[in-house]
Amino acid sequence: MDNMKTKDNGELLNLETSLTIRRTLLENNKIAASWNNSKSATDLLYGIETPTTEQHDSIRKEKETFCDMMYTPLIDKYFKNTHNKTFLEFGSGEGLMAKYMSHRFKKYICVDVITDFLELCKDMTSDCKNIEYELLENYYFTDFTVKDESVDIIISNNVFCHINYYEFIIYLTKFSKLLKKEGILMFDIYNADNVDWDNETITKHTELYKAHHILETLFHPISSLMVHKQLTKLGLKLIYDSARSNTEAWNFLGFRKD
């Protein structure tokens, strides 16, 4: 079977396109060539091929609220002055968070594994002069220019629910090396210990991923206990765990390097 129909819009989704999306990190340079007109960067980001102004504003406000409620309190708790700090966002996507927060830092580094996402990000943040962009082309970080022990704050939003355990450990290990002493790492996961498979959010995403034939690789709950243990081994200390006050599957975590 050379082609498959998407469930939602009936357009043909090339099988090779699906496979290259699933191998995003290993074969990132093939994505642009293999995507056909039925795929767009915003479709993969949001499940909406061309968001309306209203939809885009809603997405932007959601990102900004998340920054205000989750990232900012921890950043302000551990850093009295952020204007001399280097900030790295892993999985920067369209650049909505970068545009909203970059003014607070000396340097803001946007990292993504998909060229099209970084291009969107560059357009979104074209007026932000302190932003640098890094394309991560493989697990070995061979062309990655960010030096170890050069970053004060690392965040990642809605990324790790889309990768498997093996990839996750690779990233955690690299993040621990990138962070300066007393640097902080913040990210969210879907805690495998508390996942409710009938949850509305999970059900909605299940239908989206089924439509693009990539369900099995685009939702990976991760054990919060495993994360704690691994980061402790890497020299990071837990500073925040939303599961302590919220037992739902979505779990926001913060760690600090000793």
Protein backbone atom coordinates (compact mmCIF):
# COMPACT_ATOMS: atom_id res chain seq x y z
CA MET A 1 0.00 0.00 0.00
CA ASP A 2 1.65 3.20 -1.19
CA ASN A 3 -0.74 5.71 0.30
CA MET A 4 -3.14 5.94 3.21
CA LYS A 5 -6.11 8.23 3.62
CA THR A 6 -6.29 10.45 6.65
CA LYS A 7 -9.46 9.96 8.66
CA ASP A 8 -10.21 13.64 9.16
CA ASN A 9 -9.97 15.26 5.73
CA GLY A 10 -9.78 12.40 3.26
CA GLU A 11 -6.55 13.68 1.72
CA LEU A 12 -3.88 11.20 0.86
CA LEU A 13 -1.10 10.90 3.41
CA ASN A 14 1.99 9.37 1.86
CA LEU A 15 3.23 6.40 3.88
CA GLU A 16 6.82 7.56 3.64
CA THR A 17 5.72 10.87 5.16
CA SER A 18 4.33 9.04 8.19
CA LEU A 19 7.48 7.05 8.63
CA THR A 20 9.78 10.04 8.41
CA ILE A 21 7.70 11.90 10.97
CA ARG A 22 8.16 8.90 13.26
CA ARG A 23 11.92 9.06 12.70
CA THR A 24 12.06 12.82 13.21
CA LEU A 25 15.32 12.97 15.14
CA LEU A 26 17.25 10.41 13.16
CA GLU A 27 16.26 11.59 9.72
CA ASN A 28 15.17 15.18 10.23
CA ASN A 29 16.63 16.40 6.92
CA LYS A 30 14.25 14.14 5.00
CA ILE A 31 11.08 15.64 6.40
CA ALA A 32 10.87 18.70 4.18
CA ALA A 33 11.40 16.58 1.08
CA SER A 34 8.92 13.89 2.06
CA TRP A 35 6.05 16.06 3.26
CA ASN A 36 3.44 16.55 0.57
CA ASN A 37 0.83 19.30 0.38
CA SER A 38 -1.45 17.51 2.81
CA LYS A 39 0.92 18.22 5.72
CA SER A 40 1.98 21.52 7.25
CA ALA A 41 4.10 22.45 10.24
CA THR A 42 1.09 23.87 12.10
CA ASP A 43 -0.87 20.69 11.38
CA LEU A 44 1.78 18.64 13.12
CA LEU A 45 2.11 21.21 15.93
CA TYR A 46 -1.56 21.75 16.70
CA GLY A 47 -3.57 19.34 14.58
CA ILE A 48 -4.79 22.38 12.60
CA GLU A 49 -3.39 22.84 9.10
CA THR A 50 -4.13 26.57 8.97
CA PRO A 51 -5.23 27.98 12.35
CA THR A 52 -7.68 30.88 12.26
CA THR A 53 -6.72 34.11 14.01
CA GLU A 54 -9.03 33.17 16.88
CA GLN A 55 -7.51 29.70 17.21
CA HIS A 56 -3.99 31.07 17.10
CA ASP A 57 -4.78 33.69 19.75
CA SER A 58 -6.19 30.96 21.97
CA ILE A 59 -3.04 28.86 21.56
CA ARG A 60 -0.85 31.90 22.29
CA LYS A 61 -2.79 32.80 25.44
CA GLU A 62 -2.59 29.22 26.67
CA LYS A 63 1.20 29.24 26.24
CA GLU A 64 1.55 32.59 28.00
CA THR A 65 -0.63 31.46 30.91
CA PHE A 66 1.47 28.33 31.26
CA CYS A 67 4.63 30.44 31.41
CA ASP A 68 3.14 32.72 34.06
CA MET A 69 1.80 29.91 36.23
CA MET A 70 4.53 27.27 35.95
CA TYR A 71 7.89 28.58 34.71
CA THR A 72 8.00 32.10 36.10
CA PRO A 73 7.44 31.22 39.80
CA LEU A 74 10.32 28.72 39.82
CA ILE A 75 12.61 30.98 37.81
CA ASP A 76 11.95 33.90 40.16
CA LYS A 77 12.47 31.69 43.20
CA TYR A 78 15.97 30.61 42.19
CA PHE A 79 17.22 33.60 40.21
CA LYS A 80 17.04 37.15 41.55
CA ASN A 81 18.26 38.54 38.23
CA THR A 82 17.59 36.79 34.93
CA HIS A 83 18.93 39.43 32.55
CA ASN A 84 22.39 37.85 32.66
CA LYS A 85 21.11 34.29 32.23
CA THR A 86 21.06 31.90 29.28
CA PHE A 87 17.75 30.15 28.64
CA LEU A 88 17.21 27.11 26.40
CA GLU A 89 13.84 25.89 25.17
CA PHE A 90 13.85 22.34 23.82
CA GLY A 91 11.03 21.87 21.34
CA SER A 92 10.41 25.56 20.71
CA GLY A 93 7.88 24.88 17.95
CA GLU A 94 6.38 28.04 16.52
CA GLY A 95 8.20 30.26 19.03
CA LEU A 96 5.23 31.50 21.06
CA MET A 97 6.97 31.01 24.40
CA ALA A 98 10.22 32.45 23.07
CA LYS A 99 8.48 35.62 21.91
CA TYR A 100 6.74 35.97 25.27
CA MET A 101 9.69 35.28 27.59
CA SER A 102 12.94 36.00 25.76
CA HIS A 103 13.13 39.65 26.87
CA ARG A 104 13.85 38.47 30.41
CA PHE A 105 17.15 36.80 29.52
CA LYS A 106 20.54 37.66 28.09
CA LYS A 107 20.31 34.81 25.60
CA TYR A 108 17.37 32.61 24.61
CA ILE A 109 18.15 29.47 22.59
CA CYS A 110 15.38 27.80 20.59
CA VAL A 111 16.07 24.13 19.84
CA ASP A 112 13.93 21.90 17.66
CA VAL A 113 14.30 18.73 15.60
CA ILE A 114 12.19 19.92 12.66
CA THR A 115 13.46 22.55 10.24
CA ASP A 116 9.95 23.80 9.41
CA PHE A 117 9.26 24.48 13.09
CA LEU A 118 12.44 26.53 13.43
CA GLU A 119 11.50 28.55 10.36
CA LEU A 120 8.13 29.34 11.93
CA CYS A 121 9.95 30.23 15.13
CA LYS A 122 12.31 32.60 13.33
CA ASP A 123 9.37 34.38 11.74
CA MET A 124 7.53 34.63 15.05
CA THR A 125 10.56 36.03 16.90
CA SER A 126 12.13 38.13 14.16
CA ASP A 127 12.01 41.23 16.39
CA CYS A 128 13.75 39.47 19.30
CA LYS A 129 17.47 40.19 19.02
CA ASN A 130 18.74 37.86 21.77
CA ILE A 131 17.42 34.60 20.31
CA GLU A 132 19.59 31.90 18.75
CA TYR A 133 18.29 28.86 16.85
CA GLU A 134 19.60 25.30 16.93
CA LEU A 135 18.48 22.42 14.74
CA LEU A 136 19.06 19.09 16.48
CA GLU A 137 19.67 16.61 13.68
CA ASN A 138 20.56 13.45 15.58
CA TYR A 139 20.83 11.82 18.99
CA TYR A 140 24.59 12.40 19.10
CA PHE A 141 24.33 16.23 19.11
CA THR A 142 27.13 16.21 16.51
CA ASP A 143 26.35 19.66 15.09
CA PHE A 144 25.02 21.11 18.33
CA THR A 145 26.89 24.34 19.11
CA VAL A 146 25.65 24.96 22.66
CA LYS A 147 28.49 24.20 25.06
CA ASP A 148 28.22 22.08 28.19
CA GLU A 149 27.78 24.02 31.44
CA SER A 150 26.69 27.15 29.54
CA VAL A 151 22.93 27.22 30.22
CA ASP A 152 21.15 28.47 33.35
CA ILE A 153 17.59 27.38 32.59
CA ILE A 154 16.20 24.62 30.34
CA ILE A 155 12.50 24.12 29.65
CA SER A 156 10.50 21.76 27.48
CA ASN A 157 6.73 21.94 27.05
CA ASN A 158 4.54 19.20 25.56
CA VAL A 159 7.53 17.36 24.11
CA PHE A 160 8.35 14.35 26.26
CA CYS A 161 4.91 12.79 25.94
CA HIS A 162 5.87 12.21 22.30
CA ILE A 163 9.12 10.27 22.74
CA ASN A 164 10.08 6.91 24.16
CA TYR A 165 12.08 6.12 27.28
CA TYR A 166 15.35 5.63 25.44
CA GLU A 167 15.20 9.03 23.75
CA PHE A 168 14.12 10.63 27.01
CA ILE A 169 17.19 9.34 28.87
CA ILE A 170 19.43 10.66 26.09
CA TYR A 171 17.92 14.12 26.44
CA LEU A 172 18.04 14.15 30.24
CA THR A 173 21.69 13.18 30.16
CA LYS A 174 22.53 15.96 27.71
CA PHE A 175 20.51 18.52 29.67
CA SER A 176 22.42 17.66 32.83
CA LYS A 177 25.66 18.42 30.98
CA LEU A 178 24.39 21.67 29.43
CA LEU A 179 23.29 23.13 32.77
CA LYS A 180 25.57 25.26 34.87
CA LYS A 181 25.85 24.54 38.57
CA GLU A 182 22.60 25.56 40.27
CA GLY A 183 20.88 25.70 36.88
CA ILE A 184 17.29 24.51 36.67
CA LEU A 185 15.43 22.13 34.35
CA MET A 186 11.64 22.23 33.95
CA PHE A 187 9.44 20.01 31.82
CA ASP A 188 6.15 18.13 31.77
CA ILE A 189 5.28 14.49 31.21
CA TYR A 190 2.25 12.27 31.29
CA ASN A 191 2.90 10.19 34.38
CA ALA A 192 2.46 6.55 33.42
CA ASP A 193 1.43 5.74 36.98
CA ASN A 194 -1.70 7.91 36.75
CA VAL A 195 -2.80 7.80 33.11
CA ASP A 196 -6.55 7.57 32.54
CA TRP A 197 -6.99 6.35 28.99
CA ASP A 198 -10.57 7.65 28.90
CA ASN A 199 -9.42 11.21 29.70
CA GLU A 200 -10.83 13.73 27.21
CA THR A 201 -7.42 15.16 26.32
CA ILE A 202 -5.95 11.73 25.66
CA THR A 203 -8.98 10.66 23.64
CA LYS A 204 -8.75 13.80 21.49
CA HIS A 205 -5.06 13.27 20.76
CA THR A 206 -5.63 9.58 20.10
CA GLU A 207 -7.99 10.41 17.26
CA LEU A 208 -5.52 12.94 15.83
CA TYR A 209 -2.63 10.49 15.88
CA LYS A 210 -4.73 7.66 14.48
CA ALA A 211 -5.66 9.91 11.59
CA HIS A 212 -2.00 10.39 10.75
CA HIS A 213 -1.04 6.75 11.40
CA ILE A 214 1.54 7.69 14.03
CA LEU A 215 -0.31 6.90 17.27
CA GLU A 216 2.16 4.31 18.49
CA THR A 217 5.07 6.75 18.42
CA LEU A 218 3.39 10.00 19.44
CA PHE A 219 2.07 9.29 22.91
CA HIS A 220 4.41 7.92 25.54
CA PRO A 221 3.48 8.18 29.21
CA ILE A 222 6.63 8.14 31.34
CA SER A 223 7.02 7.00 34.93
CA SER A 224 7.56 9.97 37.25
CA LEU A 225 9.45 7.68 39.61
CA MET A 226 11.87 6.73 36.85
CA VAL A 227 12.45 10.40 36.05
CA HIS A 228 13.24 11.18 39.69
CA LYS A 229 15.72 8.32 39.94
CA GLN A 230 17.48 9.09 36.66
CA LEU A 231 17.92 12.79 37.33
CA THR A 232 19.18 12.08 40.85
CA LYS A 233 21.85 9.88 39.28
CA LEU A 234 22.74 12.76 36.97
CA GLY A 235 23.24 15.14 39.86
CA LEU A 236 19.94 17.03 39.78
CA LYS A 237 17.68 17.58 42.77
CA LEU A 238 13.88 17.68 42.62
CA ILE A 239 12.56 21.19 43.39
CA TYR A 240 8.97 20.89 42.19
CA ASP A 241 6.51 18.08 41.46
CA SER A 242 2.91 18.93 40.59
CA ALA A 243 1.87 15.37 41.47
CA ARG A 244 2.20 16.29 45.14
CA SER A 245 -0.91 18.45 44.84
CA ASN A 246 -2.48 17.01 41.70
CA THR A 247 -2.81 13.28 41.08
CA GLU A 248 -3.85 13.58 37.43
CA ALA A 249 -1.65 12.10 34.73
CA TRP A 250 -0.18 15.39 33.53
CA ASN A 251 2.88 16.07 35.66
CA PHE A 252 5.04 19.22 35.77
CA LEU A 253 8.54 18.74 37.21
CA GLY A 254 11.41 20.99 38.19
CA PHE A 255 15.01 20.00 38.99
CA ARG A 256 18.13 21.90 40.04
CA LYS A 257 21.71 20.92 39.38
CA ASP A 258 23.83 20.56 42.52
